[in-house]
Amino acid sequence: MISGAHVILYSQDAEADRAFIRDVLAFPGVDAGGGWLVFKLPPAEVAVHPTAVHPTDGPPQHEFYLMCDDLDSQLGEFRSKGVEITRPVSEQRWGRQTAIRLPSGAELPLYEPLYPLAHGL
């Protein structure tokens, strides 16, 4: 039986991004050994999109988004902590999205869904 999912983010500065996830996002975690932190995520869901929706030149890729209930409030909290918002909020048929900058320089997309949540089933 599947008991969970494990997401891996590859980083140019893993220590800084781990500290950001721990201190700014406030995700609790465990030390998997040798200081290698693994964080608890909020409830999750997975969607499978045809590549025609987001075409790539190479093989299919995967994306990781954080979800929130109130995007404007969350962005205000991030701004108060000095987090860079990297994209203006865009309105989509399925939700409102933006992205924040991780210390490594990578973007972390964020959105407020406007559809019934699968993780609430």
N, C-alpha and C. Protein backbone atom coordinates (compact mmCIF):
# COMPACT_ATOMS: atom_id res chain seq x y z
N MET A 1 0.84 -1.18 0.00
CA MET A 1 0.00 0.00 0.00
C MET A 1 0.89 1.24 0.00
N ILE A 2 0.57 2.21 -0.84
CA ILE A 2 1.30 3.48 -0.88
C ILE A 2 0.94 4.25 0.39
N SER A 3 1.95 4.73 1.09
CA SER A 3 1.70 5.43 2.36
C SER A 3 2.04 6.91 2.31
N GLY A 4 2.59 7.39 1.21
CA GLY A 4 2.95 8.80 1.13
C GLY A 4 3.69 9.08 -0.16
N ALA A 5 4.19 10.28 -0.26
CA ALA A 5 4.97 10.71 -1.41
C ALA A 5 6.20 11.45 -0.90
N HIS A 6 7.28 11.36 -1.65
CA HIS A 6 8.53 12.02 -1.28
C HIS A 6 8.94 12.90 -2.45
N VAL A 7 9.08 14.18 -2.21
CA VAL A 7 9.45 15.16 -3.23
C VAL A 7 10.91 15.53 -3.03
N ILE A 8 11.67 15.62 -4.11
CA ILE A 8 13.07 16.04 -4.03
C ILE A 8 13.23 17.32 -4.82
N LEU A 9 13.79 18.35 -4.19
CA LEU A 9 14.14 19.58 -4.86
C LEU A 9 15.66 19.61 -5.00
N TYR A 10 16.17 19.71 -6.20
CA TYR A 10 17.61 19.83 -6.41
C TYR A 10 17.99 21.29 -6.31
N SER A 11 19.08 21.58 -5.61
CA SER A 11 19.42 22.95 -5.27
C SER A 11 20.91 23.23 -5.49
N GLN A 12 21.20 24.45 -5.90
CA GLN A 12 22.59 24.92 -6.01
C GLN A 12 23.15 25.28 -4.63
N ASP A 13 22.26 25.47 -3.63
CA ASP A 13 22.66 25.78 -2.26
C ASP A 13 21.69 25.09 -1.31
N ALA A 14 21.85 23.79 -1.17
CA ALA A 14 20.90 22.98 -0.39
C ALA A 14 20.80 23.43 1.06
N GLU A 15 21.92 23.79 1.68
CA GLU A 15 21.88 24.22 3.09
C GLU A 15 21.00 25.46 3.26
N ALA A 16 21.17 26.46 2.38
CA ALA A 16 20.38 27.68 2.48
C ALA A 16 18.91 27.41 2.20
N ASP A 17 18.62 26.57 1.21
CA ASP A 17 17.22 26.26 0.91
C ASP A 17 16.59 25.45 2.03
N ARG A 18 17.34 24.54 2.65
CA ARG A 18 16.81 23.79 3.80
C ARG A 18 16.49 24.74 4.95
N ALA A 19 17.37 25.69 5.22
CA ALA A 19 17.12 26.67 6.28
C ALA A 19 15.89 27.50 5.97
N PHE A 20 15.70 27.88 4.71
CA PHE A 20 14.52 28.64 4.29
C PHE A 20 13.25 27.83 4.54
N ILE A 21 13.26 26.57 4.15
CA ILE A 21 12.09 25.71 4.34
C ILE A 21 11.80 25.55 5.84
N ARG A 22 12.84 25.39 6.64
CA ARG A 22 12.68 25.23 8.08
C ARG A 22 12.26 26.53 8.75
N ASP A 23 12.95 27.65 8.44
CA ASP A 23 12.76 28.89 9.19
C ASP A 23 11.70 29.81 8.62
N VAL A 24 11.60 29.93 7.30
CA VAL A 24 10.64 30.85 6.70
C VAL A 24 9.30 30.15 6.43
N LEU A 25 9.35 28.99 5.81
CA LEU A 25 8.11 28.26 5.57
C LEU A 25 7.61 27.56 6.82
N ALA A 26 8.49 27.37 7.79
CA ALA A 26 8.17 26.75 9.09
C ALA A 26 7.64 25.32 8.94
N PHE A 27 8.21 24.57 8.00
CA PHE A 27 7.85 23.17 7.85
C PHE A 27 8.66 22.36 8.86
N PRO A 28 8.00 21.54 9.69
CA PRO A 28 8.75 20.70 10.61
C PRO A 28 9.48 19.61 9.84
N GLY A 29 10.55 19.11 10.43
CA GLY A 29 11.31 18.08 9.73
C GLY A 29 12.03 17.16 10.67
N VAL A 30 12.67 16.18 10.08
CA VAL A 30 13.48 15.22 10.82
C VAL A 30 14.86 15.19 10.21
N ASP A 31 15.83 14.79 11.00
CA ASP A 31 17.18 14.59 10.51
C ASP A 31 17.27 13.14 10.07
N ALA A 32 17.44 12.92 8.78
CA ALA A 32 17.51 11.57 8.23
C ALA A 32 18.89 10.97 8.41
N GLY A 33 19.77 11.71 9.07
CA GLY A 33 21.13 11.24 9.32
C GLY A 33 22.14 12.21 8.76
N GLY A 34 23.11 12.58 9.57
CA GLY A 34 24.17 13.47 9.13
C GLY A 34 23.72 14.88 8.82
N GLY A 35 22.64 15.33 9.44
CA GLY A 35 22.15 16.68 9.19
C GLY A 35 21.30 16.81 7.94
N TRP A 36 20.99 15.70 7.29
CA TRP A 36 20.19 15.70 6.07
C TRP A 36 18.72 15.83 6.47
N LEU A 37 18.16 17.03 6.31
CA LEU A 37 16.80 17.30 6.75
C LEU A 37 15.77 16.84 5.72
N VAL A 38 14.71 16.23 6.21
CA VAL A 38 13.55 15.85 5.39
C VAL A 38 12.35 16.49 6.07
N PHE A 39 11.57 17.25 5.29
CA PHE A 39 10.49 18.06 5.85
C PHE A 39 9.12 17.45 5.63
N LYS A 40 8.26 17.67 6.61
CA LYS A 40 6.85 17.31 6.49
C LYS A 40 6.19 18.34 5.59
N LEU A 41 5.42 17.88 4.63
CA LEU A 41 4.70 18.78 3.74
C LEU A 41 3.24 18.88 4.17
N PRO A 42 2.59 19.95 3.76
CA PRO A 42 1.15 20.03 3.97
C PRO A 42 0.46 18.95 3.12
N PRO A 43 -0.85 18.76 3.29
CA PRO A 43 -1.55 17.81 2.43
C PRO A 43 -1.22 18.09 0.96
N ALA A 44 -1.23 17.05 0.16
CA ALA A 44 -0.80 17.18 -1.23
C ALA A 44 -1.78 16.52 -2.18
N GLU A 45 -1.61 16.83 -3.45
CA GLU A 45 -2.35 16.18 -4.51
C GLU A 45 -1.43 16.13 -5.73
N VAL A 46 -1.76 15.29 -6.69
CA VAL A 46 -0.95 15.18 -7.91
C VAL A 46 -1.88 15.31 -9.12
N ALA A 47 -1.44 16.01 -10.13
CA ALA A 47 -2.19 16.16 -11.37
C ALA A 47 -1.29 15.67 -12.51
N VAL A 48 -1.89 15.08 -13.51
CA VAL A 48 -1.16 14.62 -14.69
C VAL A 48 -1.67 15.41 -15.88
N HIS A 49 -0.79 16.21 -16.48
CA HIS A 49 -1.15 17.06 -17.60
C HIS A 49 -0.55 16.50 -18.88
N PRO A 50 -1.25 16.62 -20.00
CA PRO A 50 -0.62 16.23 -21.26
C PRO A 50 0.50 17.21 -21.59
N THR A 51 1.54 16.75 -22.25
CA THR A 51 2.65 17.64 -22.56
C THR A 51 2.22 18.79 -23.46
N ALA A 52 1.11 18.69 -24.17
CA ALA A 52 0.61 19.78 -25.01
C ALA A 52 0.24 21.00 -24.17
N VAL A 53 -0.11 20.79 -22.89
CA VAL A 53 -0.46 21.90 -22.00
C VAL A 53 0.78 22.70 -21.63
N HIS A 54 1.90 22.03 -21.44
CA HIS A 54 3.16 22.68 -21.08
C HIS A 54 4.27 22.00 -21.86
N PRO A 55 4.37 22.29 -23.17
CA PRO A 55 5.34 21.57 -23.99
C PRO A 55 6.78 21.85 -23.57
N THR A 56 7.62 20.83 -23.74
CA THR A 56 9.05 20.97 -23.46
C THR A 56 9.82 20.48 -24.67
N ASP A 57 11.06 20.91 -24.79
CA ASP A 57 11.91 20.44 -25.87
C ASP A 57 12.50 19.07 -25.56
N GLY A 58 12.53 18.72 -24.29
CA GLY A 58 13.12 17.45 -23.88
C GLY A 58 12.06 16.50 -23.36
N PRO A 59 12.48 15.58 -22.52
CA PRO A 59 11.54 14.62 -21.96
C PRO A 59 10.57 15.31 -21.00
N PRO A 60 9.45 14.66 -20.70
CA PRO A 60 8.50 15.26 -19.75
C PRO A 60 9.22 15.63 -18.45
N GLN A 61 8.75 16.69 -17.82
CA GLN A 61 9.35 17.15 -16.58
C GLN A 61 8.28 17.21 -15.49
N HIS A 62 8.72 17.48 -14.28
CA HIS A 62 7.82 17.55 -13.14
C HIS A 62 7.93 18.93 -12.52
N GLU A 63 6.85 19.37 -11.89
CA GLU A 63 6.83 20.66 -11.22
C GLU A 63 6.34 20.47 -9.79
N PHE A 64 6.76 21.36 -8.92
CA PHE A 64 6.35 21.35 -7.52
C PHE A 64 5.81 22.73 -7.18
N TYR A 65 4.60 22.81 -6.71
CA TYR A 65 3.96 24.06 -6.30
C TYR A 65 3.54 23.94 -4.84
N LEU A 66 3.64 25.02 -4.10
CA LEU A 66 2.99 25.10 -2.80
C LEU A 66 1.62 25.73 -3.01
N MET A 67 0.65 25.28 -2.24
CA MET A 67 -0.71 25.80 -2.33
C MET A 67 -1.02 26.59 -1.07
N CYS A 68 -1.87 27.60 -1.19
CA CYS A 68 -2.31 28.35 -0.02
C CYS A 68 -3.78 28.73 -0.17
N ASP A 69 -4.42 29.04 0.96
CA ASP A 69 -5.84 29.40 0.96
C ASP A 69 -6.07 30.85 0.59
N ASP A 70 -5.10 31.73 0.89
CA ASP A 70 -5.25 33.17 0.66
C ASP A 70 -3.91 33.70 0.15
N LEU A 71 -3.77 33.80 -1.15
CA LEU A 71 -2.50 34.16 -1.76
C LEU A 71 -2.04 35.55 -1.33
N ASP A 72 -2.94 36.52 -1.30
CA ASP A 72 -2.55 37.88 -0.92
C ASP A 72 -2.00 37.94 0.49
N SER A 73 -2.65 37.27 1.41
CA SER A 73 -2.18 37.23 2.80
C SER A 73 -0.83 36.54 2.90
N GLN A 74 -0.67 35.43 2.19
CA GLN A 74 0.60 34.70 2.22
C GLN A 74 1.73 35.53 1.65
N LEU A 75 1.46 36.25 0.57
CA LEU A 75 2.50 37.10 -0.02
C LEU A 75 2.87 38.23 0.93
N GLY A 76 1.90 38.77 1.65
CA GLY A 76 2.20 39.80 2.66
C GLY A 76 3.12 39.26 3.74
N GLU A 77 2.86 38.03 4.17
CA GLU A 77 3.71 37.39 5.19
C GLU A 77 5.12 37.19 4.64
N PHE A 78 5.22 36.71 3.41
CA PHE A 78 6.54 36.52 2.80
C PHE A 78 7.28 37.84 2.67
N ARG A 79 6.60 38.88 2.22
CA ARG A 79 7.26 40.19 2.08
C ARG A 79 7.79 40.68 3.43
N SER A 80 7.01 40.46 4.50
CA SER A 80 7.45 40.91 5.83
C SER A 80 8.70 40.17 6.29
N LYS A 81 8.96 39.00 5.71
CA LYS A 81 10.15 38.21 6.04
C LYS A 81 11.27 38.44 5.03
N GLY A 82 11.07 39.38 4.09
CA GLY A 82 12.10 39.69 3.12
C GLY A 82 12.20 38.72 1.96
N VAL A 83 11.17 37.91 1.74
CA VAL A 83 11.19 36.94 0.65
C VAL A 83 10.86 37.67 -0.66
N GLU A 84 11.66 37.41 -1.69
CA GLU A 84 11.43 38.02 -3.00
C GLU A 84 10.29 37.31 -3.73
N ILE A 85 9.32 38.09 -4.20
CA ILE A 85 8.25 37.57 -5.04
C ILE A 85 8.75 37.74 -6.48
N THR A 86 8.87 36.65 -7.23
CA THR A 86 9.53 36.71 -8.53
C THR A 86 8.60 36.88 -9.72
N ARG A 87 7.32 36.64 -9.53
CA ARG A 87 6.36 36.77 -10.63
C ARG A 87 5.14 37.53 -10.12
N PRO A 88 4.57 38.38 -10.96
CA PRO A 88 3.30 39.00 -10.55
C PRO A 88 2.22 37.93 -10.46
N VAL A 89 1.24 38.17 -9.64
CA VAL A 89 0.12 37.23 -9.51
C VAL A 89 -0.62 37.19 -10.85
N SER A 90 -0.84 36.00 -11.35
CA SER A 90 -1.63 35.85 -12.57
C SER A 90 -2.91 35.08 -12.25
N GLU A 91 -3.96 35.49 -12.89
CA GLU A 91 -5.27 34.87 -12.70
C GLU A 91 -5.45 33.81 -13.78
N GLN A 92 -5.67 32.58 -13.34
CA GLN A 92 -5.90 31.46 -14.26
C GLN A 92 -7.30 30.92 -14.01
N ARG A 93 -7.79 30.12 -14.91
CA ARG A 93 -9.13 29.54 -14.73
C ARG A 93 -9.16 28.64 -13.49
N TRP A 94 -8.05 28.04 -13.14
CA TRP A 94 -7.98 27.08 -12.03
C TRP A 94 -7.46 27.69 -10.74
N GLY A 95 -6.93 28.93 -10.78
CA GLY A 95 -6.42 29.54 -9.56
C GLY A 95 -5.57 30.77 -9.83
N ARG A 96 -5.00 31.32 -8.78
CA ARG A 96 -4.13 32.48 -8.85
C ARG A 96 -2.72 32.01 -8.52
N GLN A 97 -1.73 32.39 -9.34
CA GLN A 97 -0.39 31.86 -9.13
C GLN A 97 0.67 32.95 -9.16
N THR A 98 1.79 32.64 -8.52
CA THR A 98 2.96 33.49 -8.48
C THR A 98 4.16 32.59 -8.16
N ALA A 99 5.27 33.17 -7.76
CA ALA A 99 6.43 32.38 -7.35
C ALA A 99 7.28 33.21 -6.40
N ILE A 100 8.05 32.53 -5.56
CA ILE A 100 8.98 33.18 -4.64
C ILE A 100 10.39 32.68 -4.95
N ARG A 101 11.38 33.42 -4.48
CA ARG A 101 12.79 33.07 -4.72
C ARG A 101 13.33 32.34 -3.49
N LEU A 102 13.93 31.18 -3.73
CA LEU A 102 14.65 30.47 -2.68
C LEU A 102 16.05 31.08 -2.55
N PRO A 103 16.71 30.89 -1.42
CA PRO A 103 18.06 31.43 -1.26
C PRO A 103 19.04 30.98 -2.34
N SER A 104 18.84 29.78 -2.90
CA SER A 104 19.72 29.27 -3.95
C SER A 104 19.54 30.00 -5.27
N GLY A 105 18.48 30.79 -5.38
CA GLY A 105 18.17 31.48 -6.61
C GLY A 105 17.04 30.83 -7.40
N ALA A 106 16.68 29.61 -7.04
CA ALA A 106 15.60 28.90 -7.74
C ALA A 106 14.25 29.53 -7.38
N GLU A 107 13.31 29.36 -8.27
CA GLU A 107 11.94 29.81 -8.01
C GLU A 107 11.13 28.67 -7.42
N LEU A 108 10.21 29.02 -6.53
CA LEU A 108 9.27 28.07 -5.97
C LEU A 108 7.87 28.60 -6.27
N PRO A 109 7.14 27.97 -7.20
CA PRO A 109 5.80 28.44 -7.53
C PRO A 109 4.82 28.25 -6.37
N LEU A 110 3.86 29.12 -6.33
CA LEU A 110 2.85 29.16 -5.25
C LEU A 110 1.52 29.50 -5.90
N TYR A 111 0.46 28.85 -5.46
CA TYR A 111 -0.85 29.22 -5.99
C TYR A 111 -1.98 29.01 -5.00
N GLU A 112 -3.06 29.74 -5.27
CA GLU A 112 -4.32 29.62 -4.54
C GLU A 112 -5.30 28.94 -5.47
N PRO A 113 -5.65 27.68 -5.21
CA PRO A 113 -6.55 26.96 -6.11
C PRO A 113 -7.97 27.50 -6.04
N LEU A 114 -8.65 27.46 -7.17
CA LEU A 114 -10.06 27.88 -7.25
C LEU A 114 -10.94 26.69 -7.66
N TYR A 115 -10.50 25.49 -7.34
CA TYR A 115 -11.24 24.26 -7.65
C TYR A 115 -11.36 23.44 -6.37
N PRO A 116 -12.25 22.47 -6.34
CA PRO A 116 -12.35 21.60 -5.15
C PRO A 116 -11.04 20.86 -4.95
N LEU A 117 -10.54 20.83 -3.72
CA LEU A 117 -9.24 20.23 -3.43
C LEU A 117 -9.33 18.72 -3.31
N ALA A 118 -8.44 18.03 -4.02
CA ALA A 118 -8.40 16.58 -3.96
C ALA A 118 -7.91 16.08 -2.61
N HIS A 119 -6.99 16.83 -1.96
CA HIS A 119 -6.44 16.34 -0.70
C HIS A 119 -7.45 16.39 0.43
N GLY A 120 -8.60 17.00 0.20
CA GLY A 120 -9.65 17.02 1.22
C GLY A 120 -10.60 15.84 1.13
N LEU A 121 -10.38 14.95 0.16
CA LEU A 121 -11.30 13.81 -0.01
C LEU A 121 -11.14 12.81 1.10
